[in-house]
Amino acid sequence: MSTVTSVEDFSALIAGFAATLAGRPLDDTLAAELNRDHPAGSATFEAIFKACQAGVAAGWMCQHEGGGIRYGRVIKPSPATHGYSVDVVEMADVVGPHHSHPNGEIDLVMPLQGDARFDGQPAGWKVYGPGSAHKPTVTGGRALVLYLLPEGAIQFTRA
């Protein structure tokens, strides 16, 4: 895969991947398939990971900061991404704000330092079904986490 140097390049990379998710239920079966077919070290995982690292370094990704978390919405939901938005966060040994996922959430966990885990998940994919909620937590180091949100739906709550 070619080098990702812009939001447009990143959008094209994600659009190709999102096509494989179109119409799929967000559940444990999808998580198992993603971890089997696109595990840490695979071409897909590495392309997205390198693109995220490049985006953060260039300043067009994770451009906001609050509560010890760098974050930002990189892609708004659109037909090109099959209705998924993309947010990327950088977290290190921190608990983020509680939120719910009306339509579910697909997460790609990309450790940067240590044995970083996101909600207990090491490098790889974690899927939350529709109506789920959590306080996103990174333990054991520092990680980038990419969130694919159907229709961009997320609700921050006070749990």
Protein backbone atom coordinates (compact mmCIF):
# COMPACT_ATOMS: atom_id res chain seq x y z
CA MET A 1 0.00 0.00 0.00
CA SER A 2 1.18 3.50 -0.73
CA THR A 3 2.22 6.06 1.84
CA VAL A 4 -0.60 8.01 3.46
CA THR A 5 0.30 11.69 3.66
CA SER A 6 -3.09 13.42 3.84
CA VAL A 7 -6.63 13.12 5.14
CA GLU A 8 -7.69 12.30 1.57
CA ASP A 9 -5.22 9.39 1.37
CA PHE A 10 -6.37 8.17 4.77
CA SER A 11 -10.02 8.42 3.72
CA ALA A 12 -9.31 6.30 0.64
CA LEU A 13 -7.55 3.68 2.78
CA ILE A 14 -10.44 3.53 5.24
CA ALA A 15 -13.09 3.54 2.48
CA GLY A 16 -11.58 0.38 1.01
CA PHE A 17 -11.61 -1.33 4.38
CA ALA A 18 -15.07 -0.05 5.33
CA ALA A 19 -16.47 -1.70 2.21
CA THR A 20 -15.74 -5.07 3.88
CA LEU A 21 -17.84 -4.00 6.90
CA ALA A 22 -20.90 -2.72 5.02
CA GLY A 23 -24.09 -4.31 6.28
CA ARG A 24 -22.32 -6.49 8.86
CA PRO A 25 -23.72 -6.77 12.39
CA LEU A 26 -21.37 -5.33 15.01
CA ASP A 27 -20.92 -8.31 17.32
CA ASP A 28 -18.45 -10.87 18.69
CA THR A 29 -18.47 -12.75 15.37
CA LEU A 30 -17.24 -9.66 13.55
CA ALA A 31 -14.54 -9.10 16.19
CA ALA A 32 -13.33 -12.69 15.81
CA GLU A 33 -13.27 -12.39 12.01
CA LEU A 34 -11.38 -9.09 12.08
CA ASN A 35 -8.80 -10.51 14.49
CA ARG A 36 -8.44 -13.61 12.31
CA ASP A 37 -8.35 -11.88 8.92
CA HIS A 38 -6.60 -8.60 9.84
CA PRO A 39 -4.55 -9.28 13.00
CA ALA A 40 -1.68 -7.20 14.33
CA GLY A 41 1.16 -7.52 11.83
CA SER A 42 -1.14 -8.09 8.84
CA ALA A 43 -1.01 -5.81 5.80
CA THR A 44 -4.31 -4.11 6.72
CA PHE A 45 -3.34 -3.56 10.36
CA GLU A 46 0.09 -2.22 9.46
CA ALA A 47 -1.23 0.09 6.72
CA ILE A 48 -3.76 1.67 9.08
CA PHE A 49 -1.25 1.83 11.95
CA LYS A 50 1.42 3.53 9.81
CA ALA A 51 -1.16 5.93 8.39
CA CYS A 52 -2.28 6.89 11.90
CA GLN A 53 1.30 7.42 13.07
CA ALA A 54 1.98 9.60 10.01
CA GLY A 55 -1.23 11.59 10.56
CA VAL A 56 -0.39 12.26 14.20
CA ALA A 57 3.17 13.29 13.29
CA ALA A 58 1.86 15.62 10.55
CA GLY A 59 -0.66 17.20 12.92
CA TRP A 60 -3.88 16.42 11.05
CA MET A 61 -4.79 13.54 13.37
CA CYS A 62 -5.31 13.73 17.16
CA GLN A 63 -5.14 17.51 16.96
CA HIS A 64 -7.21 18.11 20.13
CA GLU A 65 -6.25 17.34 23.72
CA GLY A 66 -8.13 17.04 26.96
CA GLY A 67 -7.96 14.94 30.10
CA GLY A 68 -4.66 13.39 29.04
CA ILE A 69 -6.14 12.18 25.75
CA ARG A 70 -5.25 13.40 22.26
CA TYR A 71 -8.18 12.92 19.89
CA GLY A 72 -10.00 14.03 16.79
CA ARG A 73 -12.59 13.02 14.22
CA VAL A 74 -10.66 12.39 11.04
CA ILE A 75 -13.50 11.34 8.74
CA LYS A 76 -17.19 12.20 8.91
CA PRO A 77 -19.65 9.48 7.92
CA SER A 78 -20.31 9.39 4.18
CA PRO A 79 -21.31 6.99 1.41
CA ALA A 80 -17.59 6.61 0.56
CA THR A 81 -16.94 5.12 4.02
CA HIS A 82 -20.21 3.14 3.99
CA GLY A 83 -21.62 5.41 6.68
CA TYR A 84 -18.73 5.07 9.13
CA SER A 85 -16.99 8.00 10.77
CA VAL A 86 -13.42 7.63 11.97
CA ASP A 87 -12.03 9.05 15.19
CA VAL A 88 -8.49 8.41 16.41
CA VAL A 89 -7.30 8.84 19.98
CA GLU A 90 -3.92 8.57 21.66
CA MET A 91 -4.14 7.42 25.27
CA ALA A 92 -1.58 6.37 27.88
CA ASP A 93 -2.69 4.69 31.12
CA VAL A 94 -5.87 6.73 31.32
CA VAL A 95 -9.63 6.31 31.62
CA GLY A 96 -11.61 8.35 29.10
CA PRO A 97 -15.10 9.82 29.33
CA HIS A 98 -18.08 7.47 29.54
CA HIS A 99 -20.05 7.21 26.32
CA SER A 100 -22.52 4.98 24.54
CA HIS A 101 -22.62 3.66 21.00
CA PRO A 102 -26.19 3.82 19.66
CA ASN A 103 -25.14 1.89 16.52
CA GLY A 104 -22.06 0.12 17.92
CA GLU A 105 -18.34 0.78 17.56
CA ILE A 106 -15.42 -1.02 15.90
CA ASP A 107 -12.03 -0.29 17.50
CA LEU A 108 -8.54 -0.96 16.20
CA VAL A 109 -6.04 -1.06 19.07
CA MET A 110 -2.49 -0.05 18.07
CA PRO A 111 -0.01 -0.13 20.98
CA LEU A 112 2.79 2.43 20.81
CA GLN A 113 4.62 1.72 24.09
CA GLY A 114 4.61 -1.07 26.62
CA ASP A 115 1.92 -3.76 26.65
CA ALA A 116 -0.83 -1.22 26.03
CA ARG A 117 -4.35 -2.61 26.07
CA PHE A 118 -7.61 -0.89 25.30
CA ASP A 119 -10.44 -2.13 27.52
CA GLY A 120 -8.36 -5.27 27.99
CA GLN A 121 -7.77 -5.79 24.25
CA PRO A 122 -4.13 -6.02 23.10
CA ALA A 123 -3.16 -5.08 19.53
CA GLY A 124 -6.10 -5.94 17.32
CA TRP A 125 -9.82 -5.40 17.01
CA LYS A 126 -12.56 -4.88 19.59
CA VAL A 127 -16.23 -4.57 18.62
CA TYR A 128 -19.02 -3.09 20.72
CA GLY A 129 -22.58 -3.82 19.67
CA PRO A 130 -25.41 -1.30 19.28
CA GLY A 131 -26.51 0.22 22.59
CA SER A 132 -23.24 -0.61 24.37
CA ALA A 133 -21.40 1.85 26.61
CA HIS A 134 -18.05 2.11 28.38
CA LYS A 135 -15.32 4.30 29.80
CA PRO A 136 -12.52 3.77 27.26
CA THR A 137 -9.45 2.71 29.20
CA VAL A 138 -5.85 2.19 28.15
CA THR A 139 -3.62 0.28 30.58
CA GLY A 140 -0.03 -0.94 30.37
CA GLY A 141 1.35 1.82 28.16
CA ARG A 142 0.43 4.13 25.32
CA ALA A 143 -1.77 3.32 22.32
CA LEU A 144 -3.51 4.75 19.35
CA VAL A 145 -7.11 3.60 19.02
CA LEU A 146 -9.11 4.04 15.84
CA TYR A 147 -12.90 4.15 16.26
CA LEU A 148 -15.23 3.32 13.39
CA LEU A 149 -18.70 4.59 14.32
CA PRO A 150 -21.73 3.75 12.16
CA GLU A 151 -23.31 7.07 11.15
CA GLY A 152 -20.83 8.77 13.49
CA ALA A 153 -23.15 8.06 16.41
CA ILE A 154 -21.70 8.50 19.89
CA GLN A 155 -23.31 9.88 23.04
CA PHE A 156 -21.21 11.11 25.93
CA THR A 157 -22.92 10.33 29.24
CA ARG A 158 -22.40 10.68 33.00
CA ALA A 159 -22.07 7.07 34.11
